[in-house]
């Protein structure tokens, strides 16, 4: 998976001296040490694997960063420019590579990025049963409650969404699920039978086209963050389609104050709010709340 996009020396170290099952991210910054995140903690990459010693750390360079981006684009930066404009590339096997560099704008629109100076490779993992403790609160009486998963970046939102869909399939709950996979990473390592997928579409187009053409019972989508995303959710809720989505916020108090979500909160579109953190590592369960933000369980 990583061997196709990393320089040979680094790929060898990562592949032979690190347990990739525990790695969340690998960060390359120009002329800085290479950082590997494991269980929410950062380490340096060395010749012998992970280290906390800066003197043993391997350093990246702009050439290495450009090479990673070139390899991830399958040798055609132009072919993935629509993704690059949004600040990332997603490979065919679901690696999401965040990109730092200079944004080029034209008439108020992002045209591309240049002068790449960092990449963050996020490594997806299937964590079986990570949504299970919440499952009875979301699925009951033969229905699914509209649910929003909330956490800071890198705390397991996407992993939660994947596992929830897998739990439906494992229980032979034959809801027609539509994965609205805007970045092409939601179905990575997803073991489920009852889902369709629309990838690399805006939420607006994906919701409208998906409801019209695929008749989903449930739409699952990641990272709600724009006004048109909220409008798409409101549209789906009036069509009788259930929604499982995620968004970024530090905690419930911060989320409740976000202007973007005030209409959804006021109309009580979401009946369940799941809060995750990385207090004890990514995916730490912090609680589940109802539409009035009352905590439903104290057992997490």
Protein backbone atom coordinates (compact mmCIF):
# COMPACT_ATOMS: atom_id res chain seq x y z
CA UNK A 1 0.00 0.00 0.00
CA UNK A 2 2.69 2.49 1.07
CA UNK A 3 5.47 0.95 -1.02
CA UNK A 4 4.02 2.45 -4.21
CA UNK A 5 4.23 6.04 -2.99
CA UNK A 6 7.21 6.18 -0.63
CA UNK A 7 10.87 6.44 -1.67
CA UNK A 8 12.52 3.01 -1.59
CA UNK A 9 14.63 3.54 1.56
CA UNK A 10 11.74 4.92 3.60
CA UNK A 11 9.35 2.28 2.28
CA UNK A 12 11.77 -0.43 3.44
CA UNK A 13 12.01 1.00 6.96
CA UNK A 14 8.26 1.51 7.26
CA UNK A 15 7.51 -1.92 5.84
CA UNK A 16 10.04 -3.92 7.86
CA UNK A 17 10.57 -2.08 11.15
CA UNK A 18 7.18 -0.59 12.04
CA UNK A 19 3.88 -2.25 12.89
CA UNK A 20 1.65 -0.47 10.38
CA UNK A 21 -1.49 -1.77 12.11
CA UNK A 22 -0.87 0.80 14.85
CA UNK A 23 0.19 3.74 12.64
CA UNK A 24 -2.31 6.57 12.11
CA UNK A 25 -0.28 9.07 10.10
CA UNK A 26 3.13 9.69 8.56
CA UNK A 27 4.12 13.33 8.06
CA UNK A 28 6.80 14.70 5.77
CA UNK A 29 7.82 18.36 6.04
CA UNK A 30 10.54 19.99 3.96
CA UNK A 31 13.86 19.93 5.82
CA UNK A 32 12.18 18.61 8.99
CA UNK A 33 12.16 15.22 10.76
CA UNK A 34 9.72 12.60 9.46
CA UNK A 35 6.96 12.11 12.05
CA UNK A 36 4.97 8.93 12.62
CA UNK A 37 1.77 9.07 14.71
CA UNK A 38 0.99 5.91 16.65
CA UNK A 39 -2.04 5.74 18.92
CA UNK A 40 -2.25 9.52 19.06
CA UNK A 41 1.45 9.96 19.99
CA UNK A 42 4.15 11.30 17.67
CA UNK A 43 7.53 9.64 17.08
CA UNK A 44 10.45 10.33 14.76
CA UNK A 45 11.28 7.89 11.97
CA UNK A 46 14.84 6.55 12.17
CA UNK A 47 16.93 3.96 10.35
CA UNK A 48 15.77 1.43 12.93
CA UNK A 49 12.08 2.36 13.02
CA UNK A 50 10.47 4.65 15.58
CA UNK A 51 12.44 6.78 18.02
CA UNK A 52 11.94 9.63 20.47
CA UNK A 53 15.50 10.85 19.83
CA UNK A 54 15.78 13.80 17.48
CA UNK A 55 19.45 13.03 16.78
CA UNK A 56 18.44 9.68 15.23
CA UNK A 57 15.58 11.09 13.16
CA UNK A 58 15.48 10.88 9.38
CA UNK A 59 14.72 14.17 7.63
CA UNK A 60 12.54 14.83 4.64
CA UNK A 61 13.17 17.25 1.76
CA UNK A 62 11.08 19.02 -0.86
CA UNK A 63 12.27 16.49 -3.42
CA UNK A 64 10.95 13.61 -1.29
CA UNK A 65 7.62 15.40 -0.84
CA UNK A 66 7.27 16.11 -4.56
CA UNK A 67 8.17 12.50 -5.31
CA UNK A 68 5.45 11.20 -2.95
CA UNK A 69 2.83 13.44 -4.57
CA UNK A 70 3.97 12.40 -8.05
CA UNK A 71 3.77 8.71 -7.18
CA UNK A 72 0.37 9.14 -5.48
CA UNK A 73 -0.96 10.78 -8.63
CA UNK A 74 0.24 7.77 -10.65
CA UNK A 75 2.72 10.01 -12.45
CA UNK A 76 0.11 12.56 -13.55
CA UNK A 77 -0.36 15.57 -11.27
CA UNK A 78 -2.84 17.01 -13.77
CA UNK A 79 -5.15 13.99 -13.44
CA UNK A 80 -5.66 14.62 -9.72
CA UNK A 81 -5.72 18.41 -9.81
CA UNK A 82 -9.38 18.54 -8.73
CA UNK A 83 -8.36 16.76 -5.54
CA UNK A 84 -5.20 18.82 -5.12
CA UNK A 85 -7.31 21.99 -5.26
CA UNK A 86 -9.03 20.70 -2.11
CA UNK A 87 -5.69 19.98 -0.45
CA UNK A 88 -5.38 16.22 -0.72
CA UNK A 89 -5.01 13.15 -2.93
CA UNK A 90 -6.77 9.84 -2.26
CA UNK A 91 -5.09 6.79 -3.74
CA UNK A 92 -6.97 3.82 -5.19
CA UNK A 93 -6.45 1.83 -1.99
CA UNK A 94 -7.84 4.57 0.24
CA UNK A 95 -4.75 6.37 1.49
CA UNK A 96 -5.56 10.02 2.05
CA UNK A 97 -2.58 12.31 1.50
CA UNK A 98 -2.99 15.85 2.79
CA UNK A 99 -0.85 18.43 0.98
CA UNK A 100 0.75 21.66 2.14
CA UNK A 101 1.95 24.27 -0.33
CA UNK A 102 1.05 27.50 -2.11
CA UNK A 103 -2.56 27.94 -3.21
CA UNK A 104 -3.04 29.52 -6.65
CA UNK A 105 -6.31 31.43 -6.95
CA UNK A 106 -8.01 32.88 -10.00
CA UNK A 107 -11.18 34.99 -9.83
CA UNK A 108 -11.73 33.90 -6.24
CA UNK A 109 -11.48 30.18 -7.08
CA UNK A 110 -8.65 27.79 -6.23
CA UNK A 111 -6.92 26.83 -9.48
CA UNK A 112 -4.23 24.52 -8.12
CA UNK A 113 -1.44 24.21 -5.55
CA UNK A 114 2.27 24.63 -6.17
CA UNK A 115 5.55 24.67 -4.21
CA UNK A 116 4.58 21.60 -2.18
CA UNK A 117 6.23 21.68 1.25
CA UNK A 118 4.52 18.96 3.28
CA UNK A 119 2.41 15.82 3.04
CA UNK A 120 0.46 13.96 5.69
CA UNK A 121 -0.31 10.33 4.82
CA UNK A 122 -3.34 9.13 6.80
CA UNK A 123 -3.50 5.34 7.02
CA UNK A 124 -7.02 3.88 7.25
CA UNK A 125 -7.73 1.02 9.62
CA UNK A 126 -10.81 -1.08 10.11
CA UNK A 127 -11.45 -1.26 13.86
CA UNK A 128 -14.11 -3.90 14.28
CA UNK A 129 -16.88 -3.11 16.77
CA UNK A 130 -15.72 0.46 17.45
CA UNK A 131 -19.32 1.66 16.92
CA UNK A 132 -20.90 -1.24 18.78
CA UNK A 133 -21.38 0.44 22.16
CA UNK A 134 -23.44 3.15 20.44
CA UNK A 135 -25.36 0.83 18.13
CA UNK A 136 -28.46 0.19 20.35
CA UNK A 137 -28.95 3.94 20.77
CA UNK A 138 -28.93 4.55 17.01
CA UNK A 139 -30.70 1.43 15.66
CA UNK A 140 -33.84 0.33 17.47
CA UNK A 141 -37.51 -0.48 16.82
CA UNK A 142 -36.67 -1.25 13.18
CA UNK A 143 -35.45 2.27 12.46
CA UNK A 144 -32.20 4.26 12.36
CA UNK A 145 -31.93 7.60 14.13
CA UNK A 146 -30.30 10.48 12.23
CA UNK A 147 -26.84 10.65 13.80
CA UNK A 148 -23.92 13.09 13.67
CA UNK A 149 -20.45 11.94 14.79
CA UNK A 150 -18.40 14.80 16.27
CA UNK A 151 -14.67 14.98 17.03
CA UNK A 152 -11.47 16.90 16.33
CA UNK A 153 -9.48 15.76 13.27
CA UNK A 154 -7.85 12.34 13.48
CA UNK A 155 -10.12 10.93 16.19
CA UNK A 156 -11.78 8.09 14.28
CA UNK A 157 -14.90 9.57 12.71
CA UNK A 158 -14.44 7.82 9.35
CA UNK A 159 -13.54 4.56 11.08
CA UNK A 160 -16.75 4.81 13.12
CA UNK A 161 -18.85 5.35 9.98
CA UNK A 162 -17.28 2.33 8.26
CA UNK A 163 -17.82 0.06 11.24
CA UNK A 164 -21.43 1.16 11.65
CA UNK A 165 -22.20 0.16 8.05
CA UNK A 166 -20.42 -3.15 8.64
CA UNK A 167 -22.50 -3.73 11.80
CA UNK A 168 -25.71 -3.30 9.79
CA UNK A 169 -24.53 -5.92 7.30
CA UNK A 170 -23.29 -8.30 10.00
CA UNK A 171 -26.76 -8.26 11.57
CA UNK A 172 -28.38 -8.77 8.16
CA UNK A 173 -30.22 -5.46 8.52
CA UNK A 174 -30.89 -4.99 4.84
CA UNK A 175 -31.20 -1.23 4.71
CA UNK A 176 -30.13 0.22 1.37
CA UNK A 177 -27.10 2.28 2.38
CA UNK A 178 -25.60 4.96 0.15
CA UNK A 179 -22.00 5.90 0.88
CA UNK A 180 -21.58 9.46 -0.30
CA UNK A 181 -17.79 9.26 -0.46
CA UNK A 182 -16.62 12.75 -1.34
CA UNK A 183 -12.92 11.88 -0.94
CA UNK A 184 -13.01 8.23 -2.02
CA UNK A 185 -11.98 6.71 1.33
CA UNK A 186 -15.18 5.66 3.12
CA UNK A 187 -15.32 2.11 1.77
CA UNK A 188 -11.65 1.30 2.45
CA UNK A 189 -11.49 -2.02 4.32
CA UNK A 190 -15.29 -1.99 4.58
CA UNK A 191 -16.73 -5.50 4.88
CA UNK A 192 -20.44 -4.99 4.14
CA UNK A 193 -23.00 -6.23 1.65
CA UNK A 194 -25.76 -3.67 1.45
CA UNK A 195 -24.30 -0.43 0.18
CA UNK A 196 -24.00 1.62 -2.97
CA UNK A 197 -21.40 4.31 -3.45
CA UNK A 198 -21.13 7.71 -5.10
CA UNK A 199 -17.54 8.96 -4.93
CA UNK A 200 -15.80 12.29 -5.60
CA UNK A 201 -19.09 14.18 -5.79
CA UNK A 202 -20.13 17.21 -3.81
CA UNK A 203 -22.64 16.44 -1.10
CA UNK A 204 -25.24 18.55 -2.89
CA UNK A 205 -25.01 16.56 -6.12
CA UNK A 206 -24.50 13.25 -4.33
CA UNK A 207 -27.56 13.63 -2.13
CA UNK A 208 -29.80 14.77 -4.97
CA UNK A 209 -28.64 12.19 -7.52
CA UNK A 210 -28.39 9.38 -5.00
CA UNK A 211 -31.90 9.84 -3.63
CA UNK A 212 -33.30 10.04 -7.13
CA UNK A 213 -31.44 7.10 -8.65
CA UNK A 214 -30.59 4.69 -5.81
CA UNK A 215 -33.50 5.09 -3.35
CA UNK A 216 -31.40 4.78 -0.18
CA UNK A 217 -32.80 4.17 3.27
CA UNK A 218 -29.64 5.62 4.83
CA UNK A 219 -27.01 8.03 3.50
CA UNK A 220 -23.59 7.89 5.15
CA UNK A 221 -21.23 10.82 4.53
CA UNK A 222 -18.12 12.29 6.10
CA UNK A 223 -17.04 15.77 7.20
CA UNK A 224 -20.02 18.10 6.92
CA UNK A 225 -18.48 21.55 6.77
CA UNK A 226 -20.26 23.85 4.32
CA UNK A 227 -23.63 25.53 4.02
CA UNK A 228 -24.51 23.44 0.98
CA UNK A 229 -23.78 20.27 2.99
CA UNK A 230 -26.33 21.36 5.59
CA UNK A 231 -28.85 22.13 2.84
CA UNK A 232 -28.30 18.65 1.39
CA UNK A 233 -28.97 17.06 4.79
CA UNK A 234 -32.14 19.10 5.23
CA UNK A 235 -33.27 18.03 1.76
CA UNK A 236 -32.65 14.36 2.53
CA UNK A 237 -34.49 14.59 5.84
CA UNK A 238 -37.61 15.82 4.05
CA UNK A 239 -37.39 12.86 1.65
CA UNK A 240 -37.63 10.26 4.41
CA UNK A 241 -33.98 9.26 4.10
CA UNK A 242 -31.97 8.64 7.27
CA UNK A 243 -28.52 10.23 7.69
CA UNK A 244 -25.28 9.21 9.39
CA UNK A 245 -22.66 11.94 9.04
CA UNK A 246 -19.63 13.44 10.77
CA UNK A 247 -18.13 16.84 11.44
CA UNK A 248 -15.25 18.52 13.24
CA UNK A 249 -15.57 20.11 16.68
CA UNK A 250 -13.51 19.97 19.88
CA UNK A 251 -16.45 19.09 22.12
CA UNK A 252 -20.23 19.39 22.38
CA UNK A 253 -20.09 22.94 23.72
CA UNK A 254 -18.07 24.10 20.71
CA UNK A 255 -20.35 22.25 18.30
CA UNK A 256 -23.55 23.76 19.73
CA UNK A 257 -22.16 27.28 19.13
CA UNK A 258 -21.22 26.69 15.47
CA UNK A 259 -23.33 28.94 13.26
CA UNK A 260 -23.31 26.40 10.41
CA UNK A 261 -25.41 23.90 12.37
CA UNK A 262 -27.98 26.18 13.99
CA UNK A 263 -30.79 25.29 11.60
CA UNK A 264 -30.16 21.55 12.00
CA UNK A 265 -30.06 21.97 15.79
CA UNK A 266 -33.20 24.12 15.90
CA UNK A 267 -35.18 21.69 13.72
CA UNK A 268 -33.75 18.71 15.64
CA UNK A 269 -32.82 16.91 12.44
CA UNK A 270 -30.23 14.79 14.25
CA UNK A 271 -31.65 12.65 17.04
CA UNK A 272 -28.25 11.35 18.15
CA UNK A 273 -24.85 12.99 18.56
CA UNK A 274 -21.78 10.77 19.07
CA UNK A 275 -18.70 12.41 20.58
CA UNK A 276 -15.20 10.98 19.99
CA UNK A 277 -11.75 12.13 21.09
CA UNK A 278 -8.20 10.80 21.30
CA UNK A 279 -7.95 11.13 25.08
CA UNK A 280 -7.05 7.44 25.28
CA UNK A 281 -6.00 7.18 21.63
CA UNK A 282 -8.01 7.92 18.46
CA UNK A 283 -11.64 6.80 18.68
CA UNK A 284 -12.05 7.26 22.43
CA UNK A 285 -15.79 7.17 23.18
CA UNK A 286 -16.87 10.29 25.05
CA UNK A 287 -20.64 9.82 25.03
CA UNK A 288 -23.85 9.85 23.05
CA UNK A 289 -26.48 12.58 23.29
CA UNK A 290 -30.06 13.06 22.08
CA UNK A 291 -31.50 15.94 20.06
CA UNK A 292 -31.73 18.06 23.22
CA UNK A 293 -28.06 17.35 24.02
CA UNK A 294 -28.93 15.26 27.04
CA UNK A 295 -26.42 12.48 27.63
CA UNK A 296 -27.96 9.07 27.06
CA UNK A 297 -25.32 6.94 28.77
CA UNK A 298 -22.62 7.37 31.36
CA UNK A 299 -21.01 4.02 30.66
CA UNK A 300 -18.42 5.18 28.12
